[in-house]
Amino acid sequence: MKAITRQKAPVEIEELLRGVSSVFLVGCGTCATMCRTGGREEVAEMAARLAASGKRVTGTAVVPTVCDALDREALAANARAMEQADGVLVMSCAFGVQMLALYTAKAVYPALDTLFMGQEMSPGAFTEVCVQCGECVLGWTGGICPITACPKGLLNGPCGGARKGKCEVSADRDCAWEVIYRRLGQQGRLGLLKKRRAPRDFSASPRPGTYLVE
């Protein structure tokens, strides 16, 4: 599973860094590198863009995984460059930004938007497979998650916009519930769709989430 990200528009990054004259850049060597949004090449490009806009880049670092304790080591190794910066621009998922913010008193800014947690289905192609809803329904939907497979996240079957097995959002996309129906039919488990089920319990995934292993 990888955190799938995309770079924010230059105008948004410019707005975030308004009033910030010097910046330290941090990239991610794992997910953001795979998405080509925050690896070495992208960090170098961002540094050049910031310099061209009049910002002083005090240094850069591409941490193997920004979302763990390696953040602390990266900051220690770049302490001088960090100290010279007014703020830190982080090219990683939102988790990495929050982790890095724990280890520095400097203002921390995200350069990326985090889209979803994805599984690589083919080289360079990622699909959202789970939103960690806290109430897994895969046992009665043939191992296909309707929350992520359906653009509307419907748990009660296809919407009125589905036509000839295709999703109303895109005619090239199979309706998620059509796929679920076919899968359950192949498994001889269509009877599962006739059972009444309670509405989704949104409290099963509280925010902020906490969990204690006993």
N, C-alpha and C. Protein backbone atom coordinates (compact mmCIF):
# COMPACT_ATOMS: atom_id res chain seq x y z
N MET A 1 0.84 -1.19 0.00
CA MET A 1 0.00 0.00 0.00
C MET A 1 0.88 1.25 0.00
N LYS A 2 0.55 2.20 -0.83
CA LYS A 2 1.30 3.43 -0.93
C LYS A 2 0.37 4.64 -0.79
N ALA A 3 0.92 5.72 -0.25
CA ALA A 3 0.17 6.97 -0.19
C ALA A 3 0.29 7.64 -1.56
N ILE A 4 -0.84 7.84 -2.22
CA ILE A 4 -0.85 8.41 -3.55
C ILE A 4 -1.03 9.93 -3.44
N THR A 5 -0.10 10.65 -4.05
CA THR A 5 -0.10 12.10 -3.92
C THR A 5 0.01 12.77 -5.29
N ARG A 6 -0.28 14.07 -5.30
CA ARG A 6 -0.03 14.89 -6.48
C ARG A 6 0.48 16.24 -5.99
N GLN A 7 1.28 16.89 -6.80
CA GLN A 7 1.81 18.18 -6.40
C GLN A 7 0.72 19.25 -6.42
N LYS A 8 0.78 20.13 -5.45
CA LYS A 8 -0.12 21.27 -5.44
C LYS A 8 0.23 22.19 -6.60
N ALA A 9 -0.72 22.98 -7.04
CA ALA A 9 -0.47 23.94 -8.11
C ALA A 9 0.56 24.96 -7.64
N PRO A 10 1.44 25.38 -8.54
CA PRO A 10 2.47 26.36 -8.17
C PRO A 10 1.90 27.60 -7.48
N VAL A 11 0.73 28.06 -7.93
CA VAL A 11 0.14 29.25 -7.34
C VAL A 11 -0.25 29.02 -5.88
N GLU A 12 -0.67 27.79 -5.55
CA GLU A 12 -1.03 27.48 -4.16
C GLU A 12 0.22 27.42 -3.28
N ILE A 13 1.29 26.82 -3.81
CA ILE A 13 2.54 26.76 -3.05
C ILE A 13 3.09 28.16 -2.84
N GLU A 14 2.96 28.99 -3.87
CA GLU A 14 3.42 30.38 -3.76
C GLU A 14 2.65 31.11 -2.66
N GLU A 15 1.35 30.85 -2.58
CA GLU A 15 0.52 31.48 -1.55
C GLU A 15 0.90 30.98 -0.16
N LEU A 16 1.15 29.68 -0.05
CA LEU A 16 1.55 29.10 1.24
C LEU A 16 2.86 29.72 1.74
N LEU A 17 3.77 29.99 0.82
CA LEU A 17 5.09 30.49 1.18
C LEU A 17 5.19 32.02 1.12
N ARG A 18 4.04 32.67 1.03
CA ARG A 18 4.06 34.13 1.00
C ARG A 18 4.68 34.66 2.30
N GLY A 19 5.67 35.50 2.18
CA GLY A 19 6.33 36.05 3.36
C GLY A 19 7.48 35.20 3.87
N VAL A 20 7.66 34.01 3.28
CA VAL A 20 8.76 33.11 3.66
C VAL A 20 9.91 33.34 2.67
N SER A 21 11.03 33.84 3.15
CA SER A 21 12.13 34.17 2.24
C SER A 21 13.11 33.03 2.03
N SER A 22 13.22 32.14 3.02
CA SER A 22 14.16 31.02 2.89
C SER A 22 13.47 29.71 3.26
N VAL A 23 13.78 28.67 2.49
CA VAL A 23 13.06 27.41 2.61
C VAL A 23 14.02 26.22 2.63
N PHE A 24 13.70 25.23 3.48
CA PHE A 24 14.41 23.95 3.44
C PHE A 24 13.43 22.94 2.86
N LEU A 25 13.89 22.14 1.91
CA LEU A 25 13.03 21.19 1.21
C LEU A 25 13.25 19.76 1.68
N VAL A 26 12.16 19.05 1.92
CA VAL A 26 12.24 17.63 2.31
C VAL A 26 11.40 16.80 1.35
N GLY A 27 11.99 15.76 0.76
CA GLY A 27 11.28 14.86 -0.12
C GLY A 27 11.18 13.48 0.50
N CYS A 28 10.42 12.61 -0.13
CA CYS A 28 10.22 11.24 0.38
C CYS A 28 10.76 10.23 -0.62
N GLY A 29 11.57 9.30 -0.13
CA GLY A 29 12.18 8.31 -1.00
C GLY A 29 11.33 7.08 -1.27
N THR A 30 10.11 7.06 -0.73
CA THR A 30 9.27 5.88 -0.92
C THR A 30 8.04 6.22 -1.78
N CYS A 31 6.92 6.54 -1.14
CA CYS A 31 5.68 6.75 -1.88
C CYS A 31 5.75 7.91 -2.86
N ALA A 32 6.24 9.07 -2.39
CA ALA A 32 6.28 10.25 -3.27
C ALA A 32 7.26 10.04 -4.42
N THR A 33 8.32 9.28 -4.18
CA THR A 33 9.24 8.96 -5.27
C THR A 33 8.55 8.09 -6.31
N MET A 34 7.79 7.10 -5.84
CA MET A 34 7.09 6.21 -6.76
C MET A 34 6.03 6.96 -7.56
N CYS A 35 5.39 7.97 -6.93
CA CYS A 35 4.37 8.77 -7.63
C CYS A 35 4.99 9.88 -8.46
N ARG A 36 6.30 10.04 -8.34
CA ARG A 36 7.02 11.11 -9.03
C ARG A 36 6.51 12.49 -8.62
N THR A 37 6.26 12.63 -7.33
CA THR A 37 5.79 13.90 -6.80
C THR A 37 6.73 14.48 -5.76
N GLY A 38 7.68 13.67 -5.27
CA GLY A 38 8.55 14.19 -4.21
C GLY A 38 9.85 13.42 -4.06
N GLY A 39 10.34 12.84 -5.16
CA GLY A 39 11.63 12.16 -5.14
C GLY A 39 12.76 13.14 -5.40
N ARG A 40 13.96 12.63 -5.63
CA ARG A 40 15.13 13.49 -5.83
C ARG A 40 14.95 14.45 -7.01
N GLU A 41 14.44 13.92 -8.11
CA GLU A 41 14.27 14.76 -9.29
C GLU A 41 13.26 15.87 -9.04
N GLU A 42 12.14 15.53 -8.40
CA GLU A 42 11.10 16.52 -8.15
C GLU A 42 11.55 17.56 -7.12
N VAL A 43 12.32 17.10 -6.12
CA VAL A 43 12.85 18.04 -5.12
C VAL A 43 13.80 19.04 -5.79
N ALA A 44 14.65 18.54 -6.70
CA ALA A 44 15.58 19.41 -7.42
C ALA A 44 14.82 20.42 -8.27
N GLU A 45 13.76 19.96 -8.93
CA GLU A 45 12.95 20.85 -9.76
C GLU A 45 12.27 21.92 -8.90
N MET A 46 11.76 21.51 -7.74
CA MET A 46 11.09 22.45 -6.85
C MET A 46 12.09 23.48 -6.32
N ALA A 47 13.30 23.03 -5.99
CA ALA A 47 14.33 23.95 -5.49
C ALA A 47 14.66 24.99 -6.55
N ALA A 48 14.77 24.56 -7.80
CA ALA A 48 15.06 25.49 -8.89
C ALA A 48 13.92 26.47 -9.09
N ARG A 49 12.69 25.97 -8.99
CA ARG A 49 11.53 26.84 -9.17
C ARG A 49 11.45 27.89 -8.07
N LEU A 50 11.72 27.47 -6.82
CA LEU A 50 11.68 28.40 -5.69
C LEU A 50 12.78 29.46 -5.83
N ALA A 51 13.95 29.01 -6.24
CA ALA A 51 15.07 29.95 -6.41
C ALA A 51 14.75 30.97 -7.49
N ALA A 52 14.10 30.50 -8.56
CA ALA A 52 13.75 31.41 -9.66
C ALA A 52 12.71 32.43 -9.24
N SER A 53 11.91 32.08 -8.20
CA SER A 53 10.88 33.00 -7.72
C SER A 53 11.39 33.93 -6.63
N GLY A 54 12.69 33.80 -6.32
CA GLY A 54 13.29 34.70 -5.35
C GLY A 54 13.46 34.11 -3.96
N LYS A 55 13.09 32.85 -3.76
CA LYS A 55 13.27 32.20 -2.47
C LYS A 55 14.71 31.70 -2.35
N ARG A 56 15.22 31.71 -1.14
CA ARG A 56 16.54 31.14 -0.89
C ARG A 56 16.35 29.73 -0.33
N VAL A 57 16.84 28.74 -1.05
CA VAL A 57 16.74 27.35 -0.61
C VAL A 57 17.99 27.03 0.20
N THR A 58 17.82 26.85 1.50
CA THR A 58 18.98 26.61 2.37
C THR A 58 19.52 25.20 2.29
N GLY A 59 18.72 24.27 1.78
CA GLY A 59 19.16 22.90 1.65
C GLY A 59 18.01 21.98 1.30
N THR A 60 18.34 20.75 0.94
CA THR A 60 17.32 19.76 0.61
C THR A 60 17.71 18.41 1.21
N ALA A 61 16.71 17.57 1.43
CA ALA A 61 16.94 16.22 1.92
C ALA A 61 15.82 15.32 1.42
N VAL A 62 16.17 14.16 0.90
CA VAL A 62 15.17 13.17 0.52
C VAL A 62 15.30 12.02 1.50
N VAL A 63 14.33 11.94 2.41
CA VAL A 63 14.34 10.95 3.48
C VAL A 63 13.75 9.64 2.96
N PRO A 64 14.33 8.49 3.33
CA PRO A 64 13.79 7.21 2.85
C PRO A 64 12.28 7.08 3.06
N THR A 65 11.81 7.38 4.27
CA THR A 65 10.38 7.40 4.56
C THR A 65 10.11 8.55 5.52
N VAL A 66 9.46 9.58 5.02
CA VAL A 66 9.23 10.77 5.85
C VAL A 66 8.28 10.49 7.00
N CYS A 67 7.46 9.46 6.88
CA CYS A 67 6.42 9.22 7.88
C CYS A 67 6.88 8.39 9.08
N ASP A 68 8.18 8.26 9.31
CA ASP A 68 8.61 7.56 10.52
C ASP A 68 9.74 8.33 11.21
N ALA A 69 10.38 7.69 12.17
CA ALA A 69 11.38 8.37 12.99
C ALA A 69 12.62 8.81 12.23
N LEU A 70 12.76 8.40 10.96
CA LEU A 70 13.90 8.85 10.17
C LEU A 70 13.87 10.36 9.97
N ASP A 71 12.68 10.94 10.14
CA ASP A 71 12.56 12.40 10.07
C ASP A 71 13.55 13.06 11.02
N ARG A 72 13.57 12.56 12.24
CA ARG A 72 14.41 13.16 13.28
C ARG A 72 15.89 13.10 12.88
N GLU A 73 16.30 11.96 12.31
CA GLU A 73 17.69 11.81 11.89
C GLU A 73 18.02 12.75 10.73
N ALA A 74 17.07 12.90 9.80
CA ALA A 74 17.29 13.78 8.65
C ALA A 74 17.44 15.22 9.11
N LEU A 75 16.63 15.62 10.05
CA LEU A 75 16.71 16.99 10.56
C LEU A 75 18.02 17.22 11.29
N ALA A 76 18.45 16.23 12.05
CA ALA A 76 19.71 16.36 12.78
C ALA A 76 20.88 16.49 11.82
N ALA A 77 20.84 15.72 10.72
CA ALA A 77 21.93 15.76 9.75
C ALA A 77 21.96 17.06 8.96
N ASN A 78 20.83 17.75 8.95
CA ASN A 78 20.74 19.01 8.20
C ASN A 78 20.39 20.17 9.12
N ALA A 79 20.86 20.07 10.36
CA ALA A 79 20.48 21.06 11.38
C ALA A 79 20.84 22.49 10.98
N ARG A 80 22.01 22.68 10.42
CA ARG A 80 22.45 24.03 10.09
C ARG A 80 21.59 24.64 8.98
N ALA A 81 21.35 23.85 7.94
CA ALA A 81 20.52 24.33 6.83
C ALA A 81 19.10 24.59 7.30
N MET A 82 18.60 23.74 8.20
CA MET A 82 17.26 23.92 8.74
C MET A 82 17.17 25.21 9.54
N GLU A 83 18.19 25.47 10.34
CA GLU A 83 18.21 26.65 11.19
C GLU A 83 18.18 27.94 10.36
N GLN A 84 18.76 27.88 9.18
CA GLN A 84 18.83 29.06 8.32
C GLN A 84 17.53 29.32 7.56
N ALA A 85 16.62 28.38 7.60
CA ALA A 85 15.37 28.49 6.84
C ALA A 85 14.24 29.09 7.68
N ASP A 86 13.38 29.86 7.01
CA ASP A 86 12.19 30.38 7.68
C ASP A 86 11.11 29.30 7.80
N GLY A 87 11.11 28.37 6.85
CA GLY A 87 10.10 27.33 6.87
C GLY A 87 10.57 26.09 6.13
N VAL A 88 9.80 25.01 6.27
CA VAL A 88 10.14 23.73 5.65
C VAL A 88 9.02 23.33 4.70
N LEU A 89 9.36 23.10 3.44
CA LEU A 89 8.39 22.65 2.44
C LEU A 89 8.56 21.14 2.29
N VAL A 90 7.50 20.40 2.57
CA VAL A 90 7.58 18.94 2.61
C VAL A 90 6.88 18.33 1.40
N MET A 91 7.63 17.55 0.64
CA MET A 91 7.09 16.89 -0.55
C MET A 91 6.84 15.42 -0.22
N SER A 92 5.82 15.20 0.62
CA SER A 92 5.43 13.85 1.02
C SER A 92 3.94 13.85 1.27
N CYS A 93 3.42 12.71 1.70
CA CYS A 93 2.00 12.63 2.05
C CYS A 93 1.74 13.46 3.30
N ALA A 94 0.47 13.66 3.62
CA ALA A 94 0.09 14.47 4.78
C ALA A 94 0.61 13.86 6.08
N PHE A 95 0.70 12.54 6.13
CA PHE A 95 1.23 11.88 7.32
C PHE A 95 2.67 12.31 7.55
N GLY A 96 3.45 12.34 6.48
CA GLY A 96 4.84 12.75 6.60
C GLY A 96 4.97 14.20 7.06
N VAL A 97 4.09 15.06 6.54
CA VAL A 97 4.12 16.47 6.94
C VAL A 97 3.86 16.59 8.44
N GLN A 98 2.87 15.85 8.92
CA GLN A 98 2.54 15.91 10.35
C GLN A 98 3.65 15.34 11.22
N MET A 99 4.27 14.27 10.75
CA MET A 99 5.37 13.69 11.52
C MET A 99 6.53 14.66 11.61
N LEU A 100 6.88 15.28 10.49
CA LEU A 100 8.00 16.19 10.48
C LEU A 100 7.73 17.40 11.37
N ALA A 101 6.47 17.83 11.41
CA ALA A 101 6.10 18.98 12.24
C ALA A 101 6.31 18.71 13.73
N LEU A 102 6.36 17.42 14.09
CA LEU A 102 6.60 17.07 15.50
C LEU A 102 8.04 17.33 15.92
N TYR A 103 8.94 17.35 14.93
CA TYR A 103 10.36 17.40 15.24
C TYR A 103 11.01 18.75 15.00
N THR A 104 10.22 19.76 14.64
CA THR A 104 10.81 21.07 14.40
C THR A 104 9.84 22.16 14.82
N ALA A 105 10.39 23.25 15.30
CA ALA A 105 9.56 24.40 15.67
C ALA A 105 9.33 25.30 14.46
N LYS A 106 10.00 25.00 13.35
CA LYS A 106 9.84 25.77 12.13
C LYS A 106 8.43 25.55 11.54
N ALA A 107 7.97 26.54 10.81
CA ALA A 107 6.70 26.38 10.10
C ALA A 107 6.87 25.32 9.02
N VAL A 108 5.92 24.40 8.92
CA VAL A 108 5.99 23.30 7.95
C VAL A 108 4.85 23.44 6.96
N TYR A 109 5.16 23.31 5.67
CA TYR A 109 4.17 23.50 4.62
C TYR A 109 4.13 22.26 3.70
N PRO A 110 2.92 21.83 3.30
CA PRO A 110 2.81 20.69 2.38
C PRO A 110 2.91 21.14 0.93
N ALA A 111 3.71 20.44 0.14
CA ALA A 111 3.81 20.73 -1.28
C ALA A 111 2.92 19.80 -2.10
N LEU A 112 2.35 18.79 -1.44
CA LEU A 112 1.55 17.79 -2.13
C LEU A 112 0.16 17.68 -1.52
N ASP A 113 -0.76 17.17 -2.31
CA ASP A 113 -2.08 16.77 -1.82
C ASP A 113 -2.11 15.25 -1.75
N THR A 114 -2.60 14.71 -0.65
CA THR A 114 -2.70 13.26 -0.50
C THR A 114 -4.07 12.81 -1.00
N LEU A 115 -4.08 11.90 -1.96
CA LEU A 115 -5.33 11.49 -2.60
C LEU A 115 -5.94 10.26 -1.94
N PHE A 116 -5.15 9.20 -1.78
CA PHE A 116 -5.67 7.97 -1.18
C PHE A 116 -4.54 6.99 -0.93
N MET A 117 -4.85 5.92 -0.20
CA MET A 117 -3.92 4.81 -0.04
C MET A 117 -4.20 3.85 -1.17
N GLY A 118 -3.18 3.52 -1.96
CA GLY A 118 -3.42 2.72 -3.14
C GLY A 118 -2.56 1.48 -3.25
N GLN A 119 -3.04 0.53 -4.02
CA GLN A 119 -2.32 -0.70 -4.32
C GLN A 119 -1.85 -0.63 -5.76
N GLU A 120 -0.62 -1.02 -6.01
CA GLU A 120 -0.09 -0.99 -7.37
C GLU A 120 -0.63 -2.20 -8.13
N MET A 121 -1.50 -1.94 -9.10
CA MET A 121 -2.12 -3.00 -9.87
C MET A 121 -1.26 -3.42 -11.05
N SER A 122 -0.51 -2.47 -11.58
CA SER A 122 0.47 -2.70 -12.64
C SER A 122 1.52 -1.62 -12.48
N PRO A 123 2.70 -1.79 -13.08
CA PRO A 123 3.77 -0.81 -12.85
C PRO A 123 3.31 0.64 -13.07
N GLY A 124 3.36 1.43 -11.98
CA GLY A 124 3.01 2.84 -12.07
C GLY A 124 1.53 3.15 -12.04
N ALA A 125 0.68 2.12 -11.91
CA ALA A 125 -0.77 2.33 -11.88
C ALA A 125 -1.33 1.91 -10.53
N PHE A 126 -1.93 2.86 -9.81
CA PHE A 126 -2.42 2.59 -8.46
C PHE A 126 -3.93 2.74 -8.39
N THR A 127 -4.55 1.89 -7.58
CA THR A 127 -5.99 1.93 -7.39
C THR A 127 -6.29 1.97 -5.90
N GLU A 128 -7.23 2.85 -5.52
CA GLU A 128 -7.64 2.92 -4.12
C GLU A 128 -8.35 1.62 -3.75
N VAL A 129 -7.96 1.00 -2.66
CA VAL A 129 -8.55 -0.28 -2.30
C VAL A 129 -9.19 -0.27 -0.92
N CYS A 130 -8.89 0.70 -0.09
CA CYS A 130 -9.44 0.70 1.27
C CYS A 130 -9.41 2.10 1.85
N VAL A 131 -10.51 2.48 2.53
CA VAL A 131 -10.56 3.79 3.19
C VAL A 131 -10.55 3.63 4.71
N GLN A 132 -10.24 2.42 5.18
CA GLN A 132 -10.20 2.15 6.61
C GLN A 132 -11.48 2.62 7.30
N CYS A 133 -12.62 2.12 6.84
CA CYS A 133 -13.92 2.59 7.34
C CYS A 133 -14.28 2.02 8.70
N GLY A 134 -13.58 0.98 9.15
CA GLY A 134 -13.85 0.41 10.47
C GLY A 134 -14.98 -0.59 10.50
N GLU A 135 -15.62 -0.86 9.37
CA GLU A 135 -16.74 -1.79 9.32
C GLU A 135 -16.69 -2.53 7.98
N CYS A 136 -15.78 -3.49 7.86
CA CYS A 136 -15.50 -4.13 6.58
C CYS A 136 -16.68 -4.96 6.07
N VAL A 137 -17.04 -4.76 4.81
CA VAL A 137 -18.17 -5.45 4.20
C VAL A 137 -17.74 -6.48 3.15
N LEU A 138 -16.43 -6.69 3.01
CA LEU A 138 -15.93 -7.55 1.94
C LEU A 138 -16.46 -8.98 2.01
N GLY A 139 -16.85 -9.42 3.20
CA GLY A 139 -17.35 -10.79 3.35
C GLY A 139 -18.65 -11.03 2.61
N TRP A 140 -19.46 -9.99 2.43
CA TRP A 140 -20.72 -10.19 1.71
C TRP A 140 -20.77 -9.45 0.37
N THR A 141 -19.64 -8.93 -0.08
CA THR A 141 -19.60 -8.28 -1.40
C THR A 141 -18.57 -8.95 -2.31
N GLY A 142 -18.24 -10.19 -2.02
CA GLY A 142 -17.36 -10.94 -2.91
C GLY A 142 -15.93 -10.46 -2.91
N GLY A 143 -15.50 -9.82 -1.82
CA GLY A 143 -14.12 -9.35 -1.74
C GLY A 143 -13.88 -8.07 -2.53
N ILE A 144 -14.97 -7.41 -2.97
CA ILE A 144 -14.87 -6.15 -3.71
C ILE A 144 -15.46 -5.05 -2.84
N CYS A 145 -14.70 -4.00 -2.57
CA CYS A 145 -15.18 -2.94 -1.68
C CYS A 145 -16.03 -1.94 -2.46
N PRO A 146 -17.32 -1.83 -2.15
CA PRO A 146 -18.17 -0.88 -2.87
C PRO A 146 -17.85 0.57 -2.52
N ILE A 147 -17.25 0.81 -1.36
CA ILE A 147 -16.94 2.18 -0.95
C ILE A 147 -15.85 2.77 -1.84
N THR A 148 -14.87 1.95 -2.20
CA THR A 148 -13.79 2.46 -3.05
C THR A 148 -14.03 2.17 -4.53
N ALA A 149 -14.75 1.08 -4.85
CA ALA A 149 -14.98 0.73 -6.26
C ALA A 149 -16.08 1.57 -6.88
N CYS A 150 -17.00 2.06 -6.07
CA CYS A 150 -18.11 2.88 -6.56
C CYS A 150 -17.80 4.36 -6.31
N PRO A 151 -17.88 5.22 -7.32
CA PRO A 151 -17.60 6.65 -7.12
C PRO A 151 -18.48 7.29 -6.05
N LYS A 152 -19.67 6.72 -5.84
CA LYS A 152 -20.57 7.26 -4.81
C LYS A 152 -20.44 6.54 -3.48
N GLY A 153 -19.64 5.48 -3.46
CA GLY A 153 -19.47 4.72 -2.21
C GLY A 153 -20.75 4.07 -1.72
N LEU A 154 -21.61 3.65 -2.65
CA LEU A 154 -22.91 3.10 -2.26
C LEU A 154 -22.80 1.70 -1.65
N LEU A 155 -23.54 1.51 -0.56
CA LEU A 155 -23.55 0.21 0.11
C LEU A 155 -24.85 -0.56 -0.13
N ASN A 156 -25.76 0.04 -0.89
CA ASN A 156 -27.07 -0.59 -1.07
C ASN A 156 -27.38 -0.90 -2.52
N GLY A 157 -26.35 -1.24 -3.27
CA GLY A 157 -26.58 -1.64 -4.66
C GLY A 157 -26.39 -0.51 -5.64
N PRO A 158 -26.59 -0.77 -6.92
CA PRO A 158 -26.32 0.24 -7.95
C PRO A 158 -27.28 1.42 -7.87
N CYS A 159 -26.82 2.57 -8.32
CA CYS A 159 -27.65 3.76 -8.34
C CYS A 159 -28.51 3.77 -9.60
N GLY A 160 -29.40 4.75 -9.70
CA GLY A 160 -30.29 4.81 -10.85
C GLY A 160 -29.59 5.23 -12.12
N GLY A 161 -28.34 5.67 -12.01
CA GLY A 161 -27.63 6.12 -13.19
C GLY A 161 -26.88 5.03 -13.92
N ALA A 162 -26.79 3.85 -13.33
CA ALA A 162 -26.08 2.74 -13.97
C ALA A 162 -26.85 2.27 -15.21
N ARG A 163 -26.11 2.04 -16.31
CA ARG A 163 -26.73 1.61 -17.55
C ARG A 163 -25.93 0.47 -18.18
N LYS A 164 -26.62 -0.64 -18.43
CA LYS A 164 -26.01 -1.79 -19.10
C LYS A 164 -24.70 -2.21 -18.41
N GLY A 165 -24.72 -2.20 -17.10
CA GLY A 165 -23.57 -2.66 -16.34
C GLY A 165 -22.44 -1.66 -16.21
N LYS A 166 -22.66 -0.42 -16.71
CA LYS A 166 -21.62 0.59 -16.68
C LYS A 166 -21.99 1.71 -15.70
N CYS A 167 -20.97 2.33 -15.16
CA CYS A 167 -21.13 3.41 -14.18
C CYS A 167 -21.57 4.69 -14.88
N GLU A 168 -22.45 5.48 -14.24
CA GLU A 168 -22.89 6.72 -14.86
C GLU A 168 -21.78 7.77 -14.89
N VAL A 169 -20.76 7.61 -14.04
CA VAL A 169 -19.65 8.56 -14.03
C VAL A 169 -18.81 8.42 -15.29
N SER A 170 -18.63 7.16 -15.73
CA SER A 170 -17.85 6.91 -16.94
C SER A 170 -18.36 5.65 -17.62
N ALA A 171 -18.68 5.77 -18.89
CA ALA A 171 -19.19 4.62 -19.65
C ALA A 171 -18.13 3.56 -19.85
N ASP A 172 -16.88 3.89 -19.60
CA ASP A 172 -15.79 2.92 -19.73
C ASP A 172 -15.57 2.12 -18.45
N ARG A 173 -16.32 2.47 -17.44
CA ARG A 173 -16.11 1.86 -16.12
C ARG A 173 -17.27 0.95 -15.77
N ASP A 174 -16.95 -0.27 -15.34
CA ASP A 174 -17.99 -1.19 -14.90
C ASP A 174 -18.60 -0.69 -13.60
N CYS A 175 -19.92 -0.84 -13.51
CA CYS A 175 -20.60 -0.52 -12.25
C CYS A 175 -20.06 -1.46 -11.17
N ALA A 176 -19.67 -0.90 -10.03
CA ALA A 176 -19.09 -1.71 -8.96
C ALA A 176 -20.05 -2.81 -8.51
N TRP A 177 -21.34 -2.47 -8.42
CA TRP A 177 -22.29 -3.46 -7.96
C TRP A 177 -22.60 -4.51 -9.02
N GLU A 178 -22.42 -4.19 -10.27
CA GLU A 178 -22.52 -5.18 -11.34
C GLU A 178 -21.39 -6.20 -11.19
N VAL A 179 -20.18 -5.69 -10.88
CA VAL A 179 -19.03 -6.58 -10.69
C VAL A 179 -19.25 -7.46 -9.45
N ILE A 180 -19.77 -6.85 -8.38
CA ILE A 180 -20.05 -7.62 -7.16
C ILE A 180 -21.09 -8.71 -7.45
N TYR A 181 -22.12 -8.34 -8.20
CA TYR A 181 -23.18 -9.30 -8.54
C TYR A 181 -22.61 -10.49 -9.31
N ARG A 182 -21.78 -10.20 -10.31
CA ARG A 182 -21.20 -11.28 -11.11
C ARG A 182 -20.29 -12.16 -10.26
N ARG A 183 -19.49 -11.53 -9.39
CA ARG A 183 -18.58 -12.30 -8.54
C ARG A 183 -19.35 -13.23 -7.60
N LEU A 184 -20.39 -12.70 -6.96
CA LEU A 184 -21.18 -13.53 -6.05
C LEU A 184 -21.90 -14.63 -6.81
N GLY A 185 -22.32 -14.34 -8.05
CA GLY A 185 -22.98 -15.35 -8.86
C GLY A 185 -22.04 -16.49 -9.19
N GLN A 186 -20.80 -16.16 -9.51
CA GLN A 186 -19.80 -17.18 -9.81
C GLN A 186 -19.52 -18.05 -8.59
N GLN A 187 -19.66 -17.46 -7.42
CA GLN A 187 -19.38 -18.18 -6.18
C GLN A 187 -20.62 -18.87 -5.61
N GLY A 188 -21.75 -18.69 -6.28
CA GLY A 188 -22.99 -19.29 -5.77
C GLY A 188 -23.46 -18.65 -4.49
N ARG A 189 -23.23 -17.35 -4.33
CA ARG A 189 -23.58 -16.67 -3.08
C ARG A 189 -24.48 -15.46 -3.30
N LEU A 190 -25.27 -15.46 -4.35
CA LEU A 190 -26.16 -14.34 -4.63
C LEU A 190 -27.17 -14.10 -3.51
N GLY A 191 -27.44 -15.13 -2.74
CA GLY A 191 -28.39 -14.99 -1.63
C GLY A 191 -27.96 -13.92 -0.63
N LEU A 192 -26.67 -13.61 -0.59
CA LEU A 192 -26.19 -12.58 0.34
C LEU A 192 -26.81 -11.22 0.05
N LEU A 193 -27.14 -10.97 -1.22
CA LEU A 193 -27.68 -9.67 -1.60
C LEU A 193 -29.15 -9.51 -1.19
N LYS A 194 -29.79 -10.60 -0.79
CA LYS A 194 -31.20 -10.53 -0.38
C LYS A 194 -31.35 -10.25 1.11
N LYS A 195 -30.25 -10.32 1.84
CA LYS A 195 -30.32 -10.13 3.28
C LYS A 195 -30.36 -8.64 3.63
N ARG A 196 -31.23 -8.30 4.57
CA ARG A 196 -31.29 -6.92 5.06
C ARG A 196 -30.09 -6.64 5.96
N ARG A 197 -29.52 -5.48 5.78
CA ARG A 197 -28.37 -5.11 6.60
C ARG A 197 -28.59 -3.73 7.20
N ALA A 198 -28.07 -3.58 8.39
CA ALA A 198 -28.23 -2.31 9.08
C ALA A 198 -27.46 -1.21 8.35
N PRO A 199 -27.92 0.04 8.47
CA PRO A 199 -27.18 1.14 7.83
C PRO A 199 -25.74 1.17 8.33
N ARG A 200 -24.90 1.76 7.54
CA ARG A 200 -23.49 1.85 7.90
C ARG A 200 -23.31 2.59 9.22
N ASP A 201 -22.47 2.05 10.08
CA ASP A 201 -22.19 2.65 11.39
C ASP A 201 -20.97 3.56 11.25
N PHE A 202 -21.19 4.84 11.09
CA PHE A 202 -20.08 5.76 10.88
C PHE A 202 -19.24 5.94 12.14
N SER A 203 -19.78 5.57 13.30
CA SER A 203 -19.01 5.69 14.54
C SER A 203 -17.94 4.60 14.63
N ALA A 204 -17.98 3.62 13.70
CA ALA A 204 -16.98 2.55 13.71
C ALA A 204 -15.61 3.06 13.33
N SER A 205 -15.58 4.23 12.71
CA SER A 205 -14.30 4.84 12.31
C SER A 205 -14.22 6.24 12.90
N PRO A 206 -14.01 6.33 14.23
CA PRO A 206 -14.01 7.64 14.90
C PRO A 206 -12.81 8.49 14.49
N ARG A 207 -12.98 9.79 14.56
CA ARG A 207 -11.89 10.72 14.29
C ARG A 207 -11.66 11.58 15.51
N PRO A 208 -10.42 11.72 15.97
CA PRO A 208 -9.24 11.03 15.45
C PRO A 208 -9.22 9.57 15.90
N GLY A 209 -8.69 8.71 15.03
CA GLY A 209 -8.66 7.29 15.33
C GLY A 209 -7.58 6.93 16.34
N THR A 210 -7.92 6.09 17.27
CA THR A 210 -6.95 5.57 18.26
C THR A 210 -7.21 4.09 18.44
N TYR A 211 -6.15 3.36 18.78
CA TYR A 211 -6.30 1.91 18.98
C TYR A 211 -5.19 1.44 19.91
N LEU A 212 -5.55 0.69 20.91
CA LEU A 212 -4.60 0.17 21.89
C LEU A 212 -4.55 -1.34 21.78
N VAL A 213 -3.39 -1.89 21.47
CA VAL A 213 -3.23 -3.33 21.40
C VAL A 213 -3.13 -3.89 22.81
N GLU A 214 -4.03 -4.77 23.14
CA GLU A 214 -4.06 -5.32 24.53
C GLU A 214 -3.26 -6.60 24.60
